[in-house]
Each structure stands twice: as C-alpha cells, then as structure tokens.
Amino acid sequence: MGRWVKPEVYPLMAAMSFVTGMCLFQLTRNVILNPDVRINKAHRTTAVLENEEEGLKYREHNLRKFLRTRPPEVMPSVNRFFSDDK
C-alpha cells in the first residue's frame, strides 16, 4: 500500500473494513426493504402506511427464522465441555 501502512495495522484495517461493510449492509437493507422508508413520491404523501404484512415480512427475515430454530448458545462446544459431568 504505502510506507505509512505497517504490518501491525492490518488487523485494525480488517476489523474496520468488516464493521464498515456491516454498516453499509444495514443501511442498504433499511433503504431498500424497510416499509417506513418511502422513496416513492406516491407513498410519501401518506402519513402512516397501514400495511402490516410488509412490516411483518421485514421483521421476520430469513436469518431470524433460522436462528429461532437454533439453541441460544454462542459457543456450544465450550458450554458442553464445562457443563458435562465427567
């Protein structure tokens, strides 16, 4: 890259790039899919959209549906290691 970029900075750059990507993903998702964001001029004239189905579709996305079937554990193997009787 350049002289000012040292190898010690690479993990910080990777973390910042990942977080920036997450922010861009969330902003794009909200602009495109959120029923409260109105880009179309016809929809902007209404004060409150009474479209419950669209809001439910936005709230119940595929990741949430997948995680609902999984156990609420961050590290299941570590949990099993420390909780199993030996």
C-alpha atoms as a PDB file:
ATOM      1  CA  MET A   1       0.000   0.000   0.000  1.00  0.00           C
ATOM      2  CA  GLY A   2       2.397   2.659   1.138  1.00  0.00           C
ATOM      3  CA  ARG A   3       5.090   3.474   3.600  1.00  0.00           C
ATOM      4  CA  TRP A   4       2.728   4.540   6.350  1.00  0.00           C
ATOM      5  CA  VAL A   5       0.958   1.162   6.484  1.00  0.00           C
ATOM      6  CA  LYS A   6       2.813  -1.116   8.858  1.00  0.00           C
ATOM      7  CA  PRO A   7       2.030  -4.822   9.325  1.00  0.00           C
ATOM      8  CA  GLU A   8       0.720  -4.079  12.821  1.00  0.00           C
ATOM      9  CA  VAL A   9      -2.102  -2.037  11.274  1.00  0.00           C
ATOM     10  CA  TYR A  10      -3.531  -4.862   9.123  1.00  0.00           C
ATOM     11  CA  PRO A  11      -5.771  -6.375  11.865  1.00  0.00           C
ATOM     12  CA  LEU A  12      -7.182  -2.928  12.622  1.00  0.00           C
ATOM     13  CA  MET A  13      -7.818  -2.298   8.929  1.00  0.00           C
ATOM     14  CA  ALA A  14      -9.517  -5.678   8.610  1.00  0.00           C
ATOM     15  CA  ALA A  15     -11.758  -5.011  11.618  1.00  0.00           C
ATOM     16  CA  MET A  16     -12.671  -1.527  10.407  1.00  0.00           C
ATOM     17  CA  SER A  17     -13.400  -2.832   6.898  1.00  0.00           C
ATOM     18  CA  PHE A  18     -15.657  -5.535   8.335  1.00  0.00           C
ATOM     19  CA  VAL A  19     -17.564  -3.059  10.511  1.00  0.00           C
ATOM     20  CA  THR A  20     -17.907  -0.608   7.618  1.00  0.00           C
ATOM     21  CA  GLY A  21     -19.278  -3.414   5.461  1.00  0.00           C
ATOM     22  CA  MET A  22     -21.802  -4.326   8.169  1.00  0.00           C
ATOM     23  CA  CYS A  23     -22.934  -0.696   8.397  1.00  0.00           C
ATOM     24  CA  LEU A  24     -23.308  -0.432   4.625  1.00  0.00           C
ATOM     25  CA  PHE A  25     -25.284  -3.678   4.553  1.00  0.00           C
ATOM     26  CA  GLN A  26     -27.674  -2.468   7.258  1.00  0.00           C
ATOM     27  CA  LEU A  27     -28.141   0.944   5.663  1.00  0.00           C
ATOM     28  CA  THR A  28     -28.801  -0.614   2.262  1.00  0.00           C
ATOM     29  CA  ARG A  29     -31.215  -3.111   3.786  1.00  0.00           C
ATOM     30  CA  ASN A  30     -33.130  -0.344   5.537  1.00  0.00           C
ATOM     31  CA  VAL A  31     -33.335   1.876   2.457  1.00  0.00           C
ATOM     32  CA  ILE A  32     -34.462  -0.935   0.180  1.00  0.00           C
ATOM     33  CA  LEU A  33     -36.660  -3.116   2.402  1.00  0.00           C
ATOM     34  CA  ASN A  34     -37.861  -1.064   5.380  1.00  0.00           C
ATOM     35  CA  PRO A  35     -41.558  -0.202   4.996  1.00  0.00           C
ATOM     36  CA  ASP A  36     -41.069   3.049   6.936  1.00  0.00           C
ATOM     37  CA  VAL A  37     -38.612   4.450   4.380  1.00  0.00           C
ATOM     38  CA  ARG A  38     -40.506   5.937   1.464  1.00  0.00           C
ATOM     39  CA  ILE A  39     -38.562   6.839  -1.652  1.00  0.00           C
ATOM     40  CA  ASN A  40     -41.548   6.780  -3.991  1.00  0.00           C
ATOM     41  CA  LYS A  41     -43.358  10.125  -4.133  1.00  0.00           C
ATOM     42  CA  ALA A  42     -46.802   8.494  -4.022  1.00  0.00           C
ATOM     43  CA  HIS A  43     -46.034   6.753  -0.732  1.00  0.00           C
ATOM     44  CA  ARG A  44     -44.522   9.857   0.867  1.00  0.00           C
ATOM     45  CA  THR A  45     -47.870  11.647   0.898  1.00  0.00           C
ATOM     46  CA  THR A  46     -49.386   9.161   3.344  1.00  0.00           C
ATOM     47  CA  ALA A  47     -48.567   9.840   6.966  1.00  0.00           C
ATOM     48  CA  VAL A  48     -48.897   6.241   8.196  1.00  0.00           C
ATOM     49  CA  LEU A  49     -48.789   3.185   5.998  1.00  0.00           C
ATOM     50  CA  GLU A  50     -51.318   0.602   7.135  1.00  0.00           C
ATOM     51  CA  ASN A  51     -49.502  -2.352   5.642  1.00  0.00           C
ATOM     52  CA  GLU A  52     -48.943  -4.830   8.428  1.00  0.00           C
ATOM     53  CA  GLU A  53     -47.932  -7.654   6.078  1.00  0.00           C
ATOM     54  CA  GLU A  54     -44.991  -5.685   4.693  1.00  0.00           C
ATOM     55  CA  GLY A  55     -43.772  -4.821   8.199  1.00  0.00           C
ATOM     56  CA  LEU A  56     -44.079  -8.437   9.300  1.00  0.00           C
ATOM     57  CA  LYS A  57     -42.111  -9.547   6.232  1.00  0.00           C
ATOM     58  CA  TYR A  58     -39.362  -7.042   7.072  1.00  0.00           C
ATOM     59  CA  ARG A  59     -39.211  -8.060  10.723  1.00  0.00           C
ATOM     60  CA  GLU A  60     -39.308 -11.837  10.178  1.00  0.00           C
ATOM     61  CA  HIS A  61     -36.367 -12.159   7.784  1.00  0.00           C
ATOM     62  CA  ASN A  62     -34.637 -15.440   6.929  1.00  0.00           C
ATOM     63  CA  LEU A  63     -31.779 -15.049   9.411  1.00  0.00           C
ATOM     64  CA  ARG A  64     -34.214 -14.571  12.291  1.00  0.00           C
ATOM     65  CA  LYS A  65     -36.235 -17.601  11.157  1.00  0.00           C
ATOM     66  CA  PHE A  66     -33.050 -19.702  11.032  1.00  0.00           C
ATOM     67  CA  LEU A  67     -31.807 -18.549  14.435  1.00  0.00           C
ATOM     68  CA  ARG A  68     -35.177 -19.262  16.028  1.00  0.00           C
ATOM     69  CA  THR A  69     -34.591 -22.994  15.449  1.00  0.00           C
ATOM     70  CA  ARG A  70     -31.071 -22.944  16.933  1.00  0.00           C
ATOM     71  CA  PRO A  71     -30.218 -23.212  20.637  1.00  0.00           C
ATOM     72  CA  PRO A  72     -29.279 -19.836  22.193  1.00  0.00           C
ATOM     73  CA  GLU A  73     -25.582 -20.603  22.644  1.00  0.00           C
ATOM     74  CA  VAL A  74     -22.590 -18.671  21.415  1.00  0.00           C
ATOM     75  CA  MET A  75     -20.024 -21.453  21.804  1.00  0.00           C
ATOM     76  CA  PRO A  76     -21.843 -24.780  22.230  1.00  0.00           C
ATOM     77  CA  SER A  77     -18.692 -26.912  22.371  1.00  0.00           C
ATOM     78  CA  VAL A  78     -17.225 -24.822  25.203  1.00  0.00           C
ATOM     79  CA  ASN A  79     -20.560 -24.920  27.048  1.00  0.00           C
ATOM     80  CA  ARG A  80     -20.685 -28.713  26.731  1.00  0.00           C
ATOM     81  CA  PHE A  81     -17.069 -29.074  27.852  1.00  0.00           C
ATOM     82  CA  PHE A  82     -17.630 -27.165  31.082  1.00  0.00           C
ATOM     83  CA  SER A  83     -21.141 -28.396  31.870  1.00  0.00           C
ATOM     84  CA  ASP A  84     -20.856 -32.144  31.188  1.00  0.00           C
ATOM     85  CA  ASP A  85     -20.174 -34.347  34.207  1.00  0.00           C
ATOM     86  CA  LYS A  86     -17.055 -36.401  33.866  1.00  0.00           C
END
